[in-house]
Amino acid sequence: YVYNKIMNKVREALCTNMNLEKYLNKIINWATTEGVRLIIGLILLWIGWKLVKKVVNIMSKALNKRNVDATVATFLDAFVEILLKGIAIYIFLEYVGIQTTGIAALVASAGVAIGLALQGSLSNFVGGVIILLIRPFNVGDYIEGSGHSGTIEKIGMFYTHMTTADNKLILVPNGNLANGSIVNYSAKELRRVDLTFGVGYEQDVLKVKRVLSNIVDAHDLILKTPEPFIAISAHGDSAVNFVVRVWVNNGDYWRVYFDLLEAAKVKFDEEEISIPYPQMDLHIKKDEITK
């Protein structure tokens, strides 16, 4: 009995050792074949990633030297980077022995579901292409669109990067910009500053007009052509409103806007021209009661 027990234990140990040896042989075979190929493939993929970045940087510098528009350059950089990385991944899968034909068939069969899931992204990509073709704005333009306003910093494949006046970054989907209304404040070289000043009804309107004309003539950034326009625009409830319309270079718009507001208040105070605020006069009539 004892002999049989010992022999059974020996047989079990031998079987276990044989199984371990079998598994170890499999691991060694995989490590010396597919494993080495996988490690080399990962190294090649890493090198390919680095090469893609270098190629994109070289292309970006070449576009800058050729004075290619920044709007087109940023979009091309993003597109080429994604394309080259996709090729690098494809080469990696082929090298390690993964059948890409099966993956392509799987992607093709799931195309409808993927298209529905990426409907917004595809719309944004097409919107970016439309923006590049129509060119409603360029990098550096100050625009208003899709409920936001700011300076265009970058036009990506899916989102347009917009920087607000207080230095906030807003990512606006290209599809929304391509399908909505856009106001481009930088498209024209000249802009018109429109301001309205109200004065009291008791004031000499000719004097007021003369003071406003002197303010406009004294400002160096206001253009003489087109000619500035100053006139009474309305008889308001509590004031006579004067409209001042002057033309300036696009970059001088806000400086002239604020300068005119300040200069008008200072001059009106010096000339004792009142600027009324909304008010209501009540006249109470007391009827005499006769008996």
Protein backbone atom coordinates (compact mmCIF):
# COMPACT_ATOMS: atom_id res chain seq x y z
CA TYR A 1 0.00 0.00 0.00
CA VAL A 2 2.74 2.43 0.95
CA TYR A 3 4.62 1.57 -2.22
CA ASN A 4 1.55 2.33 -4.35
CA LYS A 5 1.06 5.69 -2.62
CA ILE A 6 4.62 6.70 -3.25
CA MET A 7 4.47 5.70 -6.89
CA ASN A 8 1.24 7.68 -7.41
CA LYS A 9 2.87 10.77 -5.94
CA VAL A 10 5.86 10.32 -8.21
CA ARG A 11 3.62 9.96 -11.27
CA GLU A 12 1.67 13.13 -10.33
CA ALA A 13 4.90 15.06 -9.88
CA LEU A 14 6.19 13.86 -13.22
CA CYS A 15 2.92 14.83 -14.94
CA THR A 16 3.02 18.26 -13.31
CA ASN A 17 6.59 18.78 -14.39
CA MET A 18 5.72 17.71 -17.91
CA ASN A 19 2.80 20.19 -18.02
CA LEU A 20 5.01 22.96 -16.68
CA GLU A 21 7.66 22.12 -19.21
CA LYS A 22 5.04 22.14 -21.94
CA TYR A 23 3.76 25.60 -20.91
CA LEU A 24 7.28 26.93 -20.53
CA ASN A 25 8.13 25.71 -24.00
CA LYS A 26 5.08 27.48 -25.37
CA ILE A 27 6.00 30.72 -23.61
CA ILE A 28 9.59 30.48 -24.81
CA ASN A 29 8.46 29.79 -28.37
CA TRP A 30 6.05 32.77 -28.27
CA ALA A 31 8.67 35.06 -26.73
CA THR A 32 11.25 34.14 -29.35
CA THR A 33 8.82 34.62 -32.26
CA GLU A 34 5.65 36.66 -31.83
CA GLY A 35 6.91 38.29 -28.63
CA VAL A 36 10.03 39.63 -30.27
CA ARG A 37 7.96 40.80 -33.22
CA LEU A 38 5.53 42.58 -30.85
CA ILE A 39 8.36 44.34 -29.03
CA ILE A 40 9.97 45.39 -32.31
CA GLY A 41 6.57 46.53 -33.59
CA LEU A 42 6.01 48.70 -30.50
CA ILE A 43 9.46 50.21 -30.92
CA LEU A 44 8.74 50.91 -34.59
CA LEU A 45 5.37 52.43 -33.67
CA TRP A 46 7.07 54.72 -31.13
CA ILE A 47 9.64 55.75 -33.74
CA GLY A 48 6.85 56.29 -36.26
CA TRP A 49 5.02 58.54 -33.78
CA LYS A 50 8.16 60.65 -33.39
CA LEU A 51 8.64 60.81 -37.17
CA VAL A 52 5.05 61.95 -37.65
CA LYS A 53 5.63 64.88 -35.29
CA LYS A 54 8.83 65.81 -37.12
CA VAL A 55 7.13 65.61 -40.51
CA VAL A 56 4.27 67.80 -39.30
CA ASN A 57 6.73 70.34 -37.86
CA ILE A 58 8.72 70.41 -41.11
CA MET A 59 5.52 70.84 -43.12
CA SER A 60 4.35 73.62 -40.81
CA LYS A 61 7.65 75.49 -41.22
CA ALA A 62 7.51 75.04 -45.00
CA LEU A 63 3.97 76.43 -45.10
CA ASN A 64 5.05 79.42 -43.03
CA LYS A 65 8.00 80.11 -45.36
CA ARG A 66 5.66 80.01 -48.34
CA ASN A 67 3.33 82.47 -46.54
CA VAL A 68 0.42 80.03 -46.66
CA ASP A 69 -2.61 81.42 -44.88
CA ALA A 70 -2.63 80.47 -41.20
CA THR A 71 -6.24 79.27 -41.48
CA VAL A 72 -5.29 76.65 -44.09
CA ALA A 73 -1.98 75.79 -42.42
CA THR A 74 -3.50 74.88 -39.04
CA PHE A 75 -6.16 72.72 -40.65
CA LEU A 76 -3.60 70.91 -42.85
CA ASP A 77 -1.32 70.27 -39.86
CA ALA A 78 -4.12 68.55 -37.94
CA PHE A 79 -5.30 66.57 -40.97
CA VAL A 80 -1.83 65.32 -41.97
CA GLU A 81 -0.97 64.37 -38.38
CA ILE A 82 -4.07 62.20 -38.03
CA LEU A 83 -3.54 60.65 -41.47
CA LEU A 84 0.12 59.72 -40.82
CA LYS A 85 -0.66 58.32 -37.36
CA GLY A 86 -3.37 56.16 -38.92
CA ILE A 87 -0.85 54.81 -41.45
CA ALA A 88 1.65 54.10 -38.65
CA ILE A 89 -0.97 52.11 -36.71
CA TYR A 90 -1.87 50.17 -39.87
CA ILE A 91 1.79 49.24 -40.48
CA PHE A 92 2.15 48.17 -36.84
CA LEU A 93 -0.88 45.87 -37.02
CA GLU A 94 0.37 44.32 -40.27
CA TYR A 95 3.86 43.75 -38.83
CA VAL A 96 2.70 41.99 -35.67
CA GLY A 97 0.49 39.70 -37.75
CA ILE A 98 -2.96 41.08 -36.97
CA GLN A 99 -5.22 40.63 -39.98
CA THR A 100 -6.30 44.15 -40.91
CA THR A 101 -8.71 42.80 -43.52
CA GLY A 102 -10.85 41.36 -40.77
CA ILE A 103 -10.73 44.67 -38.88
CA ALA A 104 -11.67 46.55 -42.04
CA ALA A 105 -14.62 44.21 -42.59
CA LEU A 106 -15.73 44.70 -39.01
CA VAL A 107 -15.51 48.49 -39.32
CA ALA A 108 -17.38 48.37 -42.62
CA SER A 109 -20.16 46.25 -41.15
CA ALA A 110 -20.46 48.66 -38.23
CA GLY A 111 -20.28 51.71 -40.50
CA VAL A 112 -23.91 52.69 -40.06
CA ALA A 113 -23.71 52.56 -36.26
CA ILE A 114 -20.39 54.43 -36.24
CA GLY A 115 -21.80 57.04 -38.63
CA LEU A 116 -24.79 57.64 -36.37
CA ALA A 117 -22.59 57.78 -33.27
CA LEU A 118 -20.15 60.22 -34.91
CA GLN A 119 -22.82 62.26 -36.65
CA GLY A 120 -21.87 65.43 -34.80
CA SER A 121 -18.13 64.92 -35.34
CA LEU A 122 -18.59 64.27 -39.06
CA SER A 123 -20.73 67.38 -39.30
CA ASN A 124 -17.99 69.38 -37.59
CA PHE A 125 -15.35 67.97 -39.95
CA VAL A 126 -17.42 68.88 -43.00
CA GLY A 127 -18.06 72.29 -41.42
CA GLY A 128 -14.29 72.82 -41.14
CA VAL A 129 -13.86 72.00 -44.83
CA ILE A 130 -16.67 74.43 -45.73
CA ILE A 131 -15.04 77.16 -43.65
CA LEU A 132 -11.76 76.64 -45.50
CA LEU A 133 -13.50 76.76 -48.89
CA ILE A 134 -15.81 79.73 -48.25
CA ARG A 135 -13.39 81.57 -45.93
CA PRO A 136 -15.90 83.60 -43.89
CA PHE A 137 -13.05 84.39 -41.49
CA ASN A 138 -9.33 83.81 -41.05
CA VAL A 139 -7.02 83.23 -38.11
CA GLY A 140 -6.67 86.55 -36.26
CA ASP A 141 -10.13 87.87 -37.19
CA TYR A 142 -12.53 89.06 -34.51
CA ILE A 143 -15.92 87.48 -35.17
CA GLU A 144 -19.30 86.89 -33.61
CA GLY A 145 -20.99 83.56 -34.27
CA SER A 146 -22.79 80.66 -32.63
CA GLY A 147 -23.55 82.84 -29.61
CA HIS A 148 -19.91 83.71 -28.95
CA SER A 149 -17.52 86.48 -29.94
CA GLY A 150 -13.74 86.57 -29.95
CA THR A 151 -10.53 86.38 -31.96
CA ILE A 152 -9.93 83.27 -34.06
CA GLU A 153 -6.85 81.48 -32.74
CA LYS A 154 -7.01 78.18 -34.62
CA ILE A 155 -9.32 76.30 -36.99
CA GLY A 156 -9.05 72.61 -36.14
CA MET A 157 -10.58 69.62 -37.86
CA PHE A 158 -13.62 69.60 -35.57
CA TYR A 159 -13.51 72.78 -33.47
CA THR A 160 -12.58 76.41 -33.99
CA HIS A 161 -10.54 77.90 -31.15
CA MET A 162 -11.74 81.38 -30.23
CA THR A 163 -10.17 83.70 -27.65
CA THR A 164 -12.45 86.24 -25.97
CA ALA A 165 -11.50 89.81 -25.09
CA ASP A 166 -10.87 88.75 -21.46
CA ASN A 167 -8.59 85.90 -22.64
CA LYS A 168 -10.96 82.95 -22.33
CA LEU A 169 -10.61 80.07 -24.77
CA ILE A 170 -13.84 78.89 -26.41
CA LEU A 171 -14.02 75.79 -28.62
CA VAL A 172 -16.88 76.26 -31.07
CA PRO A 173 -17.99 73.29 -33.24
CA ASN A 174 -17.20 73.91 -36.90
CA GLY A 175 -20.64 72.65 -37.91
CA ASN A 176 -22.36 75.37 -35.89
CA LEU A 177 -20.21 78.10 -37.43
CA ALA A 178 -20.63 76.78 -40.97
CA ASN A 179 -24.42 76.56 -40.67
CA GLY A 180 -25.05 79.76 -38.68
CA SER A 181 -24.74 83.50 -39.11
CA ILE A 182 -21.27 85.01 -38.67
CA VAL A 183 -20.38 88.65 -38.09
CA ASN A 184 -16.76 89.33 -39.06
CA TYR A 185 -15.58 92.61 -37.54
CA SER A 186 -12.12 92.30 -39.11
CA ALA A 187 -13.14 91.66 -42.71
CA LYS A 188 -13.08 95.34 -43.76
CA GLU A 189 -10.25 97.83 -43.41
CA LEU A 190 -12.54 100.61 -42.20
CA ARG A 191 -15.24 100.65 -39.53
CA ARG A 192 -17.74 103.30 -38.55
CA VAL A 193 -18.10 104.46 -34.96
CA ASP A 194 -21.72 105.34 -34.16
CA LEU A 195 -22.45 107.29 -30.97
CA THR A 196 -25.52 109.10 -29.69
CA PHE A 197 -25.39 112.08 -27.27
CA GLY A 198 -28.44 113.53 -25.58
CA VAL A 199 -28.67 117.18 -24.46
CA GLY A 200 -31.40 119.15 -22.77
CA TYR A 201 -34.11 120.89 -24.77
CA GLU A 202 -33.02 124.25 -23.39
CA GLN A 203 -29.56 123.94 -24.99
CA ASP A 204 -28.46 125.74 -28.16
CA VAL A 205 -28.43 122.92 -30.73
CA LEU A 206 -26.05 124.82 -33.04
CA LYS A 207 -23.59 125.21 -30.18
CA VAL A 208 -23.85 121.51 -29.34
CA LYS A 209 -23.22 120.57 -32.95
CA ARG A 210 -20.20 122.91 -33.07
CA VAL A 211 -18.72 121.37 -29.91
CA LEU A 212 -19.15 117.85 -31.28
CA SER A 213 -17.55 118.88 -34.58
CA ASN A 214 -14.53 120.32 -32.74
CA ILE A 215 -14.14 117.08 -30.78
CA VAL A 216 -14.20 115.03 -33.98
CA ASP A 217 -11.80 117.35 -35.83
CA ALA A 218 -9.29 117.25 -32.95
CA HIS A 219 -8.95 113.44 -32.98
CA ASP A 220 -6.02 112.27 -35.10
CA LEU A 221 -7.35 108.74 -35.70
CA ILE A 222 -10.66 109.84 -37.23
CA LEU A 223 -10.54 109.77 -41.03
CA LYS A 224 -11.50 112.79 -43.08
CA THR A 225 -12.77 110.57 -45.89
CA PRO A 226 -15.46 109.33 -45.64
CA GLU A 227 -16.58 112.60 -44.06
CA PRO A 228 -17.80 112.55 -40.44
CA PHE A 229 -21.55 112.99 -39.96
CA ILE A 230 -23.12 114.90 -37.05
CA ALA A 231 -26.84 115.70 -36.87
CA ILE A 232 -29.93 115.63 -34.68
CA SER A 233 -31.28 112.09 -34.77
CA ALA A 234 -34.38 112.32 -32.55
CA HIS A 235 -36.42 114.45 -30.21
CA GLY A 236 -36.51 112.16 -27.21
CA ASP A 237 -38.80 112.23 -24.18
CA SER A 238 -36.29 114.18 -22.10
CA ALA A 239 -33.45 115.07 -24.50
CA VAL A 240 -32.49 116.10 -28.01
CA ASN A 241 -30.35 113.27 -29.39
CA PHE A 242 -27.34 113.97 -31.60
CA VAL A 243 -25.82 111.16 -33.68
CA VAL A 244 -22.06 111.16 -34.39
CA ARG A 245 -20.81 108.84 -37.13
CA VAL A 246 -17.10 108.78 -37.94
CA TRP A 247 -14.90 106.38 -39.93
CA VAL A 248 -11.70 104.88 -38.55
CA ASN A 249 -9.22 102.14 -39.38
CA ASN A 250 -10.38 98.78 -38.08
CA GLY A 251 -7.72 98.53 -35.40
CA ASP A 252 -8.55 102.01 -34.02
CA TYR A 253 -12.25 101.37 -33.47
CA TRP A 254 -12.38 100.90 -29.69
CA ARG A 255 -9.82 103.60 -28.93
CA VAL A 256 -11.81 106.19 -30.89
CA TYR A 257 -15.07 104.92 -29.38
CA PHE A 258 -13.94 105.46 -25.79
CA ASP A 259 -12.02 108.67 -26.58
CA LEU A 260 -15.15 110.31 -28.02
CA LEU A 261 -17.25 109.35 -25.03
CA GLU A 262 -14.72 110.86 -22.62
CA ALA A 263 -14.06 113.97 -24.71
CA ALA A 264 -17.79 114.69 -25.11
CA LYS A 265 -18.40 114.58 -21.35
CA VAL A 266 -15.39 116.83 -20.64
CA LYS A 267 -16.35 119.40 -23.29
CA PHE A 268 -20.01 119.41 -22.33
CA ASP A 269 -19.02 120.18 -18.74
CA GLU A 270 -16.71 122.97 -19.89
CA GLU A 271 -19.40 124.50 -22.13
CA GLU A 272 -22.11 123.95 -19.48
CA ILE A 273 -24.13 121.74 -21.79
CA SER A 274 -26.42 119.56 -19.72
CA ILE A 275 -26.81 115.85 -20.34
CA PRO A 276 -30.26 115.02 -19.00
CA TYR A 277 -31.26 111.76 -17.40
CA PRO A 278 -34.72 110.26 -17.71
CA GLN A 279 -37.15 112.15 -15.50
CA MET A 280 -40.80 113.01 -15.30
CA ASP A 281 -42.35 116.30 -14.27
CA LEU A 282 -45.68 116.03 -12.48
CA HIS A 283 -48.06 119.01 -12.59
CA ILE A 284 -50.77 118.84 -9.95
CA LYS A 285 -53.84 120.93 -10.71
CA LYS A 286 -55.93 121.91 -7.76
CA ASP A 287 -59.52 122.73 -8.67
CA GLU A 288 -61.38 125.13 -6.49
CA ILE A 289 -64.57 123.75 -5.08
CA THR A 290 -67.36 126.22 -5.34
CA LYS A 291 -70.39 125.92 -3.25
